[in-house]
Amino acid sequence: MPRILGVSTSITLIECARRGAGLTQVKFAVKLEIDPSSVSRWERLVSKPETAHLMRAAELLGCSVADLDGEVSVSAADLDAIRGTGQRARDAAKRVLRKRSRKAS
């Protein structure tokens, strides 16, 4: 079912940062030395990462642990772009994270 343009939705910050780094869930999990299903559960908010995994994820993604905690509201167009592939997806994810960090300051 297509999304209605202009409608806001949300994405977890960990998914946004992972996609901004150009990593699939599998590649991210391999770097963290965990099962890929764990990354999926984090991104669907089914479970939270253990502190050690969260610290390692922040290190890999070049951000702080706080930058990975929670969700961010995005437009449907941004969500589609972020969940796309290639450079456009990475750029969209980075743009959303930059906007969030400016609001937090």
PDB file of N, CA and C in Angstrom:
ATOM      1  N   MET A   1       0.846  -1.173   0.000  1.00  0.00           N
ATOM      2  CA  MET A   1       0.000   0.000   0.000  1.00  0.00           C
ATOM      3  C   MET A   1       0.895   1.241   0.000  1.00  0.00           C
ATOM      4  N   PRO A   2       0.709   2.164  -0.932  1.00  0.00           N
ATOM      5  CA  PRO A   2       1.554   3.348  -0.989  1.00  0.00           C
ATOM      6  C   PRO A   2       1.279   4.290   0.169  1.00  0.00           C
ATOM      7  N   ARG A   3       2.331   5.000   0.568  1.00  0.00           N
ATOM      8  CA  ARG A   3       2.185   5.992   1.629  1.00  0.00           C
ATOM      9  C   ARG A   3       1.657   7.288   1.031  1.00  0.00           C
ATOM     10  N   ILE A   4       0.975   8.054   1.850  1.00  0.00           N
ATOM     11  CA  ILE A   4       0.480   9.355   1.422  1.00  0.00           C
ATOM     12  C   ILE A   4       1.580  10.370   1.643  1.00  0.00           C
ATOM     13  N   LEU A   5       1.954  11.123   0.595  1.00  0.00           N
ATOM     14  CA  LEU A   5       3.011  12.112   0.724  1.00  0.00           C
ATOM     15  C   LEU A   5       2.641  13.160   1.751  1.00  0.00           C
ATOM     16  N   GLY A   6       3.638  13.599   2.493  1.00  0.00           N
ATOM     17  CA  GLY A   6       3.415  14.622   3.498  1.00  0.00           C
ATOM     18  C   GLY A   6       3.060  14.055   4.863  1.00  0.00           C
ATOM     19  N   VAL A   7       2.758  12.765   4.921  1.00  0.00           N
ATOM     20  CA  VAL A   7       2.428  12.134   6.191  1.00  0.00           C
ATOM     21  C   VAL A   7       3.740  11.771   6.885  1.00  0.00           C
ATOM     22  N   SER A   8       3.816  12.062   8.164  1.00  0.00           N
ATOM     23  CA  SER A   8       5.027  11.789   8.917  1.00  0.00           C
ATOM     24  C   SER A   8       4.967  10.391   9.507  1.00  0.00           C
ATOM     25  N   THR A   9       6.089   9.741   9.530  1.00  0.00           N
ATOM     26  CA  THR A   9       6.217   8.423  10.129  1.00  0.00           C
ATOM     27  C   THR A   9       7.531   8.411  10.900  1.00  0.00           C
ATOM     28  N   SER A  10       7.965   7.274  11.375  1.00  0.00           N
ATOM     29  CA  SER A  10       9.207   7.280  12.154  1.00  0.00           C
ATOM     30  C   SER A  10      10.113   6.134  11.746  1.00  0.00           C
ATOM     31  N   ILE A  11      11.384   6.306  12.112  1.00  0.00           N
ATOM     32  CA  ILE A  11      12.402   5.298  11.862  1.00  0.00           C
ATOM     33  C   ILE A  11      13.299   5.295  13.092  1.00  0.00           C
ATOM     34  N   THR A  12      13.798   4.128  13.473  1.00  0.00           N
ATOM     35  CA  THR A  12      14.698   4.100  14.619  1.00  0.00           C
ATOM     36  C   THR A  12      16.007   4.768  14.234  1.00  0.00           C
ATOM     37  N   LEU A  13      16.618   5.396  15.203  1.00  0.00           N
ATOM     38  CA  LEU A  13      17.884   6.081  14.953  1.00  0.00           C
ATOM     39  C   LEU A  13      18.983   5.102  14.583  1.00  0.00           C
ATOM     40  N   ILE A  14      18.931   3.903  15.140  1.00  0.00           N
ATOM     41  CA  ILE A  14      19.960   2.920  14.810  1.00  0.00           C
ATOM     42  C   ILE A  14      19.840   2.489  13.342  1.00  0.00           C
ATOM     43  N   GLU A  15      18.609   2.330  12.857  1.00  0.00           N
ATOM     44  CA  GLU A  15      18.431   1.976  11.440  1.00  0.00           C
ATOM     45  C   GLU A  15      18.887   3.126  10.556  1.00  0.00           C
ATOM     46  N   CYS A  16      18.523   4.328  10.928  1.00  0.00           N
ATOM     47  CA  CYS A  16      18.897   5.498  10.143  1.00  0.00           C
ATOM     48  C   CYS A  16      20.424   5.622  10.063  1.00  0.00           C
ATOM     49  N   ALA A  17      21.097   5.465  11.191  1.00  0.00           N
ATOM     50  CA  ALA A  17      22.561   5.563  11.216  1.00  0.00           C
ATOM     51  C   ALA A  17      23.204   4.427  10.422  1.00  0.00           C
ATOM     52  N   ARG A  18      22.661   3.221  10.563  1.00  0.00           N
ATOM     53  CA  ARG A  18      23.198   2.071   9.813  1.00  0.00           C
ATOM     54  C   ARG A  18      23.073   2.298   8.320  1.00  0.00           C
ATOM     55  N   ARG A  19      21.895   2.742   7.899  1.00  0.00           N
ATOM     56  CA  ARG A  19      21.686   2.996   6.474  1.00  0.00           C
ATOM     57  C   ARG A  19      22.533   4.169   5.984  1.00  0.00           C
ATOM     58  N   GLY A  20      22.715   5.169   6.847  1.00  0.00           N
ATOM     59  CA  GLY A  20      23.576   6.293   6.496  1.00  0.00           C
ATOM     60  C   GLY A  20      25.019   5.864   6.272  1.00  0.00           C
ATOM     61  N   ALA A  21      25.421   4.801   6.960  1.00  0.00           N
ATOM     62  CA  ALA A  21      26.771   4.257   6.801  1.00  0.00           C
ATOM     63  C   ALA A  21      26.859   3.302   5.608  1.00  0.00           C
ATOM     64  N   GLY A  22      25.719   3.052   4.968  1.00  0.00           N
ATOM     65  CA  GLY A  22      25.708   2.169   3.809  1.00  0.00           C
ATOM     66  C   GLY A  22      25.827   0.693   4.147  1.00  0.00           C
ATOM     67  N   LEU A  23      25.395   0.317   5.350  1.00  0.00           N
ATOM     68  CA  LEU A  23      25.492  -1.076   5.789  1.00  0.00           C
ATOM     69  C   LEU A  23      24.135  -1.766   5.765  1.00  0.00           C
ATOM     70  N   THR A  24      24.115  -2.991   5.290  1.00  0.00           N
ATOM     71  CA  THR A  24      22.918  -3.816   5.406  1.00  0.00           C
ATOM     72  C   THR A  24      22.859  -4.334   6.840  1.00  0.00           C
ATOM     73  N   GLN A  25      21.714  -4.884   7.211  1.00  0.00           N
ATOM     74  CA  GLN A  25      21.612  -5.482   8.543  1.00  0.00           C
ATOM     75  C   GLN A  25      22.634  -6.595   8.708  1.00  0.00           C
ATOM     76  N   VAL A  26      22.830  -7.389   7.673  1.00  0.00           N
ATOM     77  CA  VAL A  26      23.768  -8.517   7.755  1.00  0.00           C
ATOM     78  C   VAL A  26      25.202  -8.015   7.920  1.00  0.00           C
ATOM     79  N   LYS A  27      25.616  -7.050   7.099  1.00  0.00           N
ATOM     80  CA  LYS A  27      26.984  -6.526   7.205  1.00  0.00           C
ATOM     81  C   LYS A  27      27.214  -5.861   8.559  1.00  0.00           C
ATOM     82  N   PHE A  28      26.213  -5.146   9.046  1.00  0.00           N
ATOM     83  CA  PHE A  28      26.306  -4.496  10.349  1.00  0.00           C
ATOM     84  C   PHE A  28      26.448  -5.554  11.441  1.00  0.00           C
ATOM     85  N   ALA A  29      25.633  -6.601  11.366  1.00  0.00           N
ATOM     86  CA  ALA A  29      25.686  -7.678  12.361  1.00  0.00           C
ATOM     87  C   ALA A  29      27.041  -8.380  12.341  1.00  0.00           C
ATOM     88  N   VAL A  30      27.588  -8.619  11.164  1.00  0.00           N
ATOM     89  CA  VAL A  30      28.898  -9.270  11.062  1.00  0.00           C
ATOM     90  C   VAL A  30      29.962  -8.414  11.742  1.00  0.00           C
ATOM     91  N   LYS A  31      29.925  -7.105  11.502  1.00  0.00           N
ATOM     92  CA  LYS A  31      30.887  -6.205  12.138  1.00  0.00           C
ATOM     93  C   LYS A  31      30.735  -6.192  13.659  1.00  0.00           C
ATOM     94  N   LEU A  32      29.499  -6.354  14.126  1.00  0.00           N
ATOM     95  CA  LEU A  32      29.239  -6.388  15.575  1.00  0.00           C
ATOM     96  C   LEU A  32      29.420  -7.782  16.167  1.00  0.00           C
ATOM     97  N   GLU A  33      29.616  -8.773  15.291  1.00  0.00           N
ATOM     98  CA  GLU A  33      29.759 -10.173  15.698  1.00  0.00           C
ATOM     99  C   GLU A  33      28.523 -10.679  16.439  1.00  0.00           C
ATOM    100  N   ILE A  34      27.354 -10.366  15.849  1.00  0.00           N
ATOM    101  CA  ILE A  34      26.084 -10.827  16.404  1.00  0.00           C
ATOM    102  C   ILE A  34      25.234 -11.410  15.290  1.00  0.00           C
ATOM    103  N   ASP A  35      24.128 -12.011  15.651  1.00  0.00           N
ATOM    104  CA  ASP A  35      23.197 -12.572  14.682  1.00  0.00           C
ATOM    105  C   ASP A  35      22.421 -11.442  14.002  1.00  0.00           C
ATOM    106  N   PRO A  36      22.251 -11.493  12.685  1.00  0.00           N
ATOM    107  CA  PRO A  36      21.497 -10.447  11.989  1.00  0.00           C
ATOM    108  C   PRO A  36      20.076 -10.243  12.504  1.00  0.00           C
ATOM    109  N   SER A  37      19.477 -11.287  13.053  1.00  0.00           N
ATOM    110  CA  SER A  37      18.114 -11.134  13.568  1.00  0.00           C
ATOM    111  C   SER A  37      18.083 -10.171  14.758  1.00  0.00           C
ATOM    112  N   SER A  38      19.201 -10.036  15.462  1.00  0.00           N
ATOM    113  CA  SER A  38      19.260  -9.078  16.574  1.00  0.00           C
ATOM    114  C   SER A  38      19.107  -7.651  16.060  1.00  0.00           C
ATOM    115  N   VAL A  39      19.792  -7.338  14.967  1.00  0.00           N
ATOM    116  CA  VAL A  39      19.697  -6.000  14.372  1.00  0.00           C
ATOM    117  C   VAL A  39      18.257  -5.732  13.945  1.00  0.00           C
ATOM    118  N   SER A  40      17.639  -6.716  13.332  1.00  0.00           N
ATOM    119  CA  SER A  40      16.240  -6.578  12.918  1.00  0.00           C
ATOM    120  C   SER A  40      15.332  -6.297  14.110  1.00  0.00           C
ATOM    121  N   ARG A  41      15.544  -7.019  15.199  1.00  0.00           N
ATOM    122  CA  ARG A  41      14.714  -6.821  16.401  1.00  0.00           C
ATOM    123  C   ARG A  41      14.916  -5.428  16.990  1.00  0.00           C
ATOM    124  N   TRP A  42      16.158  -4.923  16.977  1.00  0.00           N
ATOM    125  CA  TRP A  42      16.418  -3.569  17.479  1.00  0.00           C
ATOM    126  C   TRP A  42      15.668  -2.545  16.645  1.00  0.00           C
ATOM    127  N   GLU A  43      15.749  -2.717  15.327  1.00  0.00           N
ATOM    128  CA  GLU A  43      15.156  -1.735  14.421  1.00  0.00           C
ATOM    129  C   GLU A  43      13.634  -1.770  14.427  1.00  0.00           C
ATOM    130  N   ARG A  44      13.064  -2.893  14.803  1.00  0.00           N
ATOM    131  CA  ARG A  44      11.604  -2.998  14.918  1.00  0.00           C
ATOM    132  C   ARG A  44      11.134  -2.724  16.336  1.00  0.00           C
ATOM    133  N   LEU A  45      12.073  -2.354  17.216  1.00  0.00           N
ATOM    134  CA  LEU A  45      11.801  -2.053  18.631  1.00  0.00           C
ATOM    135  C   LEU A  45      11.231  -3.246  19.386  1.00  0.00           C
ATOM    136  N   VAL A  46      11.599  -4.437  18.942  1.00  0.00           N
ATOM    137  CA  VAL A  46      11.183  -5.654  19.626  1.00  0.00           C
ATOM    138  C   VAL A  46      12.082  -5.885  20.836  1.00  0.00           C
ATOM    139  N   SER A  47      13.343  -5.519  20.697  1.00  0.00           N
ATOM    140  CA  SER A  47      14.283  -5.626  21.818  1.00  0.00           C
ATOM    141  C   SER A  47      15.280  -4.483  21.732  1.00  0.00           C
ATOM    142  N   LYS A  48      16.010  -4.290  22.829  1.00  0.00           N
ATOM    143  CA  LYS A  48      17.050  -3.250  22.871  1.00  0.00           C
ATOM    144  C   LYS A  48      18.411  -3.942  22.871  1.00  0.00           C
ATOM    145  N   PRO A  49      19.391  -3.300  22.247  1.00  0.00           N
ATOM    146  CA  PRO A  49      20.728  -3.903  22.258  1.00  0.00           C
ATOM    147  C   PRO A  49      21.345  -3.878  23.659  1.00  0.00           C
ATOM    148  N   GLU A  50      22.159  -4.881  23.927  1.00  0.00           N
ATOM    149  CA  GLU A  50      22.925  -4.877  25.167  1.00  0.00           C
ATOM    150  C   GLU A  50      23.877  -3.680  25.123  1.00  0.00           C
ATOM    151  N   THR A  51      24.256  -3.184  26.272  1.00  0.00           N
ATOM    152  CA  THR A  51      25.105  -1.996  26.346  1.00  0.00           C
ATOM    153  C   THR A  51      26.392  -2.168  25.537  1.00  0.00           C
ATOM    154  N   ALA A  52      27.025  -3.316  25.645  1.00  0.00           N
ATOM    155  CA  ALA A  52      28.275  -3.553  24.913  1.00  0.00           C
ATOM    156  C   ALA A  52      28.054  -3.479  23.402  1.00  0.00           C
ATOM    157  N   HIS A  53      26.945  -4.027  22.927  1.00  0.00           N
ATOM    158  CA  HIS A  53      26.641  -3.977  21.489  1.00  0.00           C
ATOM    159  C   HIS A  53      26.329  -2.550  21.055  1.00  0.00           C
ATOM    160  N   LEU A  54      25.617  -1.831  21.888  1.00  0.00           N
ATOM    161  CA  LEU A  54      25.271  -0.446  21.566  1.00  0.00           C
ATOM    162  C   LEU A  54      26.528   0.422  21.506  1.00  0.00           C
ATOM    163  N   MET A  55      27.444   0.202  22.428  1.00  0.00           N
ATOM    164  CA  MET A  55      28.697   0.961  22.428  1.00  0.00           C
ATOM    165  C   MET A  55      29.526   0.634  21.179  1.00  0.00           C
ATOM    166  N   ARG A  56      29.573  -0.626  20.814  1.00  0.00           N
ATOM    167  CA  ARG A  56      30.315  -1.039  19.605  1.00  0.00           C
ATOM    168  C   ARG A  56      29.638  -0.478  18.360  1.00  0.00           C
ATOM    169  N   ALA A  57      28.312  -0.489  18.320  1.00  0.00           N
ATOM    170  CA  ALA A  57      27.580   0.054  17.174  1.00  0.00           C
ATOM    171  C   ALA A  57      27.877   1.543  17.013  1.00  0.00           C
ATOM    172  N   ALA A  58      27.869   2.273  18.114  1.00  0.00           N
ATOM    173  CA  ALA A  58      28.167   3.705  18.061  1.00  0.00           C
ATOM    174  C   ALA A  58      29.577   3.936  17.536  1.00  0.00           C
ATOM    175  N   GLU A  59      30.505   3.123  17.990  1.00  0.00           N
ATOM    176  CA  GLU A  59      31.889   3.238  17.521  1.00  0.00           C
ATOM    177  C   GLU A  59      31.973   2.982  16.013  1.00  0.00           C
ATOM    178  N   LEU A  60      31.316   1.922  15.549  1.00  0.00           N
ATOM    179  CA  LEU A  60      31.324   1.582  14.119  1.00  0.00           C
ATOM    180  C   LEU A  60      30.670   2.665  13.262  1.00  0.00           C
ATOM    181  N   LEU A  61      29.623   3.277  13.796  1.00  0.00           N
ATOM    182  CA  LEU A  61      28.855   4.256  13.029  1.00  0.00           C
ATOM    183  C   LEU A  61      29.360   5.686  13.219  1.00  0.00           C
ATOM    184  N   GLY A  62      30.352   5.846  14.080  1.00  0.00           N
ATOM    185  CA  GLY A  62      30.945   7.160  14.272  1.00  0.00           C
ATOM    186  C   GLY A  62      30.031   8.148  14.975  1.00  0.00           C
ATOM    187  N   CYS A  63      29.310   7.666  15.974  1.00  0.00           N
ATOM    188  CA  CYS A  63      28.396   8.545  16.706  1.00  0.00           C
ATOM    189  C   CYS A  63      28.410   8.167  18.181  1.00  0.00           C
ATOM    190  N   SER A  64      27.605   8.843  18.967  1.00  0.00           N
ATOM    191  CA  SER A  64      27.518   8.508  20.386  1.00  0.00           C
ATOM    192  C   SER A  64      26.399   7.488  20.611  1.00  0.00           C
ATOM    193  N   VAL A  65      26.427   6.863  21.763  1.00  0.00           N
ATOM    194  CA  VAL A  65      25.365   5.922  22.135  1.00  0.00           C
ATOM    195  C   VAL A  65      24.022   6.645  22.150  1.00  0.00           C
ATOM    196  N   ALA A  66      24.001   7.865  22.665  1.00  0.00           N
ATOM    197  CA  ALA A  66      22.755   8.643  22.714  1.00  0.00           C
ATOM    198  C   ALA A  66      22.185   8.894  21.323  1.00  0.00           C
ATOM    199  N   ASP A  67      23.065   9.009  20.325  1.00  0.00           N
ATOM    200  CA  ASP A  67      22.603   9.230  18.954  1.00  0.00           C
ATOM    201  C   ASP A  67      21.840   8.042  18.387  1.00  0.00           C
ATOM    202  N   LEU A  68      21.977   6.885  19.006  1.00  0.00           N
ATOM    203  CA  LEU A  68      21.328   5.662  18.500  1.00  0.00           C
ATOM    204  C   LEU A  68      20.082   5.280  19.286  1.00  0.00           C
ATOM    205  N   ASP A  69      19.759   6.034  20.307  1.00  0.00           N
ATOM    206  CA  ASP A  69      18.651   5.676  21.183  1.00  0.00           C
ATOM    207  C   ASP A  69      17.364   6.370  20.761  1.00  0.00           C
ATOM    208  N   GLY A  70      16.367   5.582  20.388  1.00  0.00           N
ATOM    209  CA  GLY A  70      15.055   6.129  20.088  1.00  0.00           C
ATOM    210  C   GLY A  70      14.705   6.140  18.613  1.00  0.00           C
ATOM    211  N   GLU A  71      13.738   6.986  18.303  1.00  0.00           N
ATOM    212  CA  GLU A  71      13.213   7.102  16.951  1.00  0.00           C
ATOM    213  C   GLU A  71      13.222   8.558  16.530  1.00  0.00           C
ATOM    214  N   VAL A  72      13.065   8.773  15.242  1.00  0.00           N
ATOM    215  CA  VAL A  72      12.953  10.120  14.705  1.00  0.00           C
ATOM    216  C   VAL A  72      11.789  10.137  13.715  1.00  0.00           C
ATOM    217  N   SER A  73      11.009  11.209  13.754  1.00  0.00           N
ATOM    218  CA  SER A  73       9.909  11.363  12.792  1.00  0.00           C
ATOM    219  C   SER A  73      10.462  11.859  11.477  1.00  0.00           C
ATOM    220  N   VAL A  74      10.009  11.262  10.407  1.00  0.00           N
ATOM    221  CA  VAL A  74      10.432  11.656   9.060  1.00  0.00           C
ATOM    222  C   VAL A  74       9.219  11.668   8.150  1.00  0.00           C
ATOM    223  N   SER A  75       9.340  12.392   7.051  1.00  0.00           N
ATOM    224  CA  SER A  75       8.264  12.378   6.057  1.00  0.00           C
ATOM    225  C   SER A  75       8.262  11.017   5.363  1.00  0.00           C
ATOM    226  N   ALA A  76       7.150  10.689   4.770  1.00  0.00           N
ATOM    227  CA  ALA A  76       7.050   9.424   4.036  1.00  0.00           C
ATOM    228  C   ALA A  76       8.068   9.392   2.898  1.00  0.00           C
ATOM    229  N   ALA A  77       8.286  10.539   2.252  1.00  0.00           N
ATOM    230  CA  ALA A  77       9.254  10.607   1.159  1.00  0.00           C
ATOM    231  C   ALA A  77      10.669  10.327   1.670  1.00  0.00           C
ATOM    232  N   ASP A  78      11.028  10.909   2.833  1.00  0.00           N
ATOM    233  CA  ASP A  78      12.351  10.646   3.410  1.00  0.00           C
ATOM    234  C   ASP A  78      12.485   9.187   3.813  1.00  0.00           C
ATOM    235  N   LEU A  79      11.431   8.625   4.392  1.00  0.00           N
ATOM    236  CA  LEU A  79      11.487   7.218   4.801  1.00  0.00           C
ATOM    237  C   LEU A  79      11.704   6.321   3.591  1.00  0.00           C
ATOM    238  N   ASP A  80      10.987   6.586   2.515  1.00  0.00           N
ATOM    239  CA  ASP A  80      11.170   5.801   1.290  1.00  0.00           C
ATOM    240  C   ASP A  80      12.592   5.944   0.760  1.00  0.00           C
ATOM    241  N   ALA A  81      13.120   7.165   0.809  1.00  0.00           N
ATOM    242  CA  ALA A  81      14.487   7.398   0.328  1.00  0.00           C
ATOM    243  C   ALA A  81      15.494   6.652   1.204  1.00  0.00           C
ATOM    244  N   ILE A  82      15.338   6.750   2.521  1.00  0.00           N
ATOM    245  CA  ILE A  82      16.257   6.095   3.448  1.00  0.00           C
ATOM    246  C   ILE A  82      16.227   4.587   3.263  1.00  0.00           C
ATOM    247  N   ARG A  83      15.064   4.052   3.043  1.00  0.00           N
ATOM    248  CA  ARG A  83      14.935   2.595   2.896  1.00  0.00           C
ATOM    249  C   ARG A  83      15.191   2.131   1.472  1.00  0.00           C
ATOM    250  N   GLY A  84      15.621   3.052   0.629  1.00  0.00           N
ATOM    251  CA  GLY A  84      16.018   2.691  -0.731  1.00  0.00           C
ATOM    252  C   GLY A  84      17.421   2.113  -0.724  1.00  0.00           C
ATOM    253  N   THR A  85      18.112   2.283  -1.837  1.00  0.00           N
ATOM    254  CA  THR A  85      19.473   1.758  -1.934  1.00  0.00           C
ATOM    255  C   THR A  85      20.407   2.824  -2.481  1.00  0.00           C
ATOM    256  N   GLY A  86      21.673   2.563  -2.346  1.00  0.00           N
ATOM    257  CA  GLY A  86      22.688   3.407  -2.951  1.00  0.00           C
ATOM    258  C   GLY A  86      22.931   4.721  -2.230  1.00  0.00           C
ATOM    259  N   GLN A  87      23.600   5.598  -2.949  1.00  0.00           N
ATOM    260  CA  GLN A  87      24.013   6.882  -2.387  1.00  0.00           C
ATOM    261  C   GLN A  87      22.821   7.731  -1.962  1.00  0.00           C
ATOM    262  N   ARG A  88      21.731   7.681  -2.708  1.00  0.00           N
ATOM    263  CA  ARG A  88      20.537   8.466  -2.352  1.00  0.00           C
ATOM    264  C   ARG A  88      20.025   8.085  -0.962  1.00  0.00           C
ATOM    265  N   ALA A  89      20.016   6.803  -0.663  1.00  0.00           N
ATOM    266  CA  ALA A  89      19.562   6.329   0.656  1.00  0.00           C
ATOM    267  C   ALA A  89      20.511   6.795   1.748  1.00  0.00           C
ATOM    268  N   ARG A  90      21.817   6.664   1.505  1.00  0.00           N
ATOM    269  CA  ARG A  90      22.798   7.106   2.505  1.00  0.00           C
ATOM    270  C   ARG A  90      22.678   8.602   2.751  1.00  0.00           C
ATOM    271  N   ASP A  91      22.525   9.381   1.675  1.00  0.00           N
ATOM    272  CA  ASP A  91      22.400  10.837   1.819  1.00  0.00           C
ATOM    273  C   ASP A  91      21.144  11.222   2.599  1.00  0.00           C
ATOM    274  N   ALA A  92      20.033  10.537   2.313  1.00  0.00           N
ATOM    275  CA  ALA A  92      18.775  10.839   3.011  1.00  0.00           C
ATOM    276  C   ALA A  92      18.901  10.531   4.497  1.00  0.00           C
ATOM    277  N   ALA A  93      19.511   9.407   4.834  1.00  0.00           N
ATOM    278  CA  ALA A  93      19.685   9.037   6.240  1.00  0.00           C
ATOM    279  C   ALA A  93      20.573  10.051   6.956  1.00  0.00           C
ATOM    280  N   LYS A  94      21.655  10.442   6.322  1.00  0.00           N
ATOM    281  CA  LYS A  94      22.560  11.423   6.929  1.00  0.00           C
ATOM    282  C   LYS A  94      21.872  12.772   7.119  1.00  0.00           C
ATOM    283  N   ARG A  95      21.045  13.151   6.150  1.00  0.00           N
ATOM    284  CA  ARG A  95      20.318  14.425   6.238  1.00  0.00           C
ATOM    285  C   ARG A  95      19.367  14.415   7.443  1.00  0.00           C
ATOM    286  N   VAL A  96      18.655  13.327   7.641  1.00  0.00           N
ATOM    287  CA  VAL A  96      17.726  13.206   8.773  1.00  0.00           C
ATOM    288  C   VAL A  96      18.491  13.260  10.092  1.00  0.00           C
ATOM    289  N   LEU A  97      19.618  12.581  10.161  1.00  0.00           N
ATOM    290  CA  LEU A  97      20.410  12.579  11.394  1.00  0.00           C
ATOM    291  C   LEU A  97      20.985  13.966  11.684  1.00  0.00           C
ATOM    292  N   ARG A  98      21.411  14.686  10.647  1.00  0.00           N
ATOM    293  CA  ARG A  98      21.926  16.050  10.846  1.00  0.00           C
ATOM    294  C   ARG A  98      20.831  16.969  11.364  1.00  0.00           C
ATOM    295  N   LYS A  99      19.630  16.860  10.776  1.00  0.00           N
ATOM    296  CA  LYS A  99      18.499  17.690  11.233  1.00  0.00           C
ATOM    297  C   LYS A  99      18.214  17.406  12.698  1.00  0.00           C
ATOM    298  N   ARG A 100      18.222  16.134  13.086  1.00  0.00           N
ATOM    299  CA  ARG A 100      17.927  15.764  14.471  1.00  0.00           C
ATOM    300  C   ARG A 100      18.989  16.320  15.406  1.00  0.00           C
ATOM    301  N   SER A 101      20.251  16.222  15.019  1.00  0.00           N
ATOM    302  CA  SER A 101      21.300  16.694  15.924  1.00  0.00           C
ATOM    303  C   SER A 101      21.254  18.219  16.067  1.00  0.00           C
ATOM    304  N   ARG A 102      20.833  18.937  15.025  1.00  0.00           N
ATOM    305  CA  ARG A 102      20.689  20.402  15.136  1.00  0.00           C
ATOM    306  C   ARG A 102      19.560  20.747  16.093  1.00  0.00           C
ATOM    307  N   LYS A 103      18.463  19.984  16.053  1.00  0.00           N
ATOM    308  CA  LYS A 103      17.331  20.234  16.953  1.00  0.00           C
ATOM    309  C   LYS A 103      17.706  19.947  18.402  1.00  0.00           C
ATOM    310  N   ALA A 104      18.553  18.942  18.607  1.00  0.00           N
ATOM    311  CA  ALA A 104      18.953  18.536  19.951  1.00  0.00           C
ATOM    312  C   ALA A 104      19.916  19.535  20.594  1.00  0.00           C
ATOM    313  N   SER A 105      20.622  20.315  19.759  1.00  0.00           N
ATOM    314  CA  SER A 105      21.596  21.265  20.329  1.00  0.00           C
ATOM    315  C   SER A 105      20.973  22.506  20.874  1.00  0.00           C
TER     316      SER A 105
END
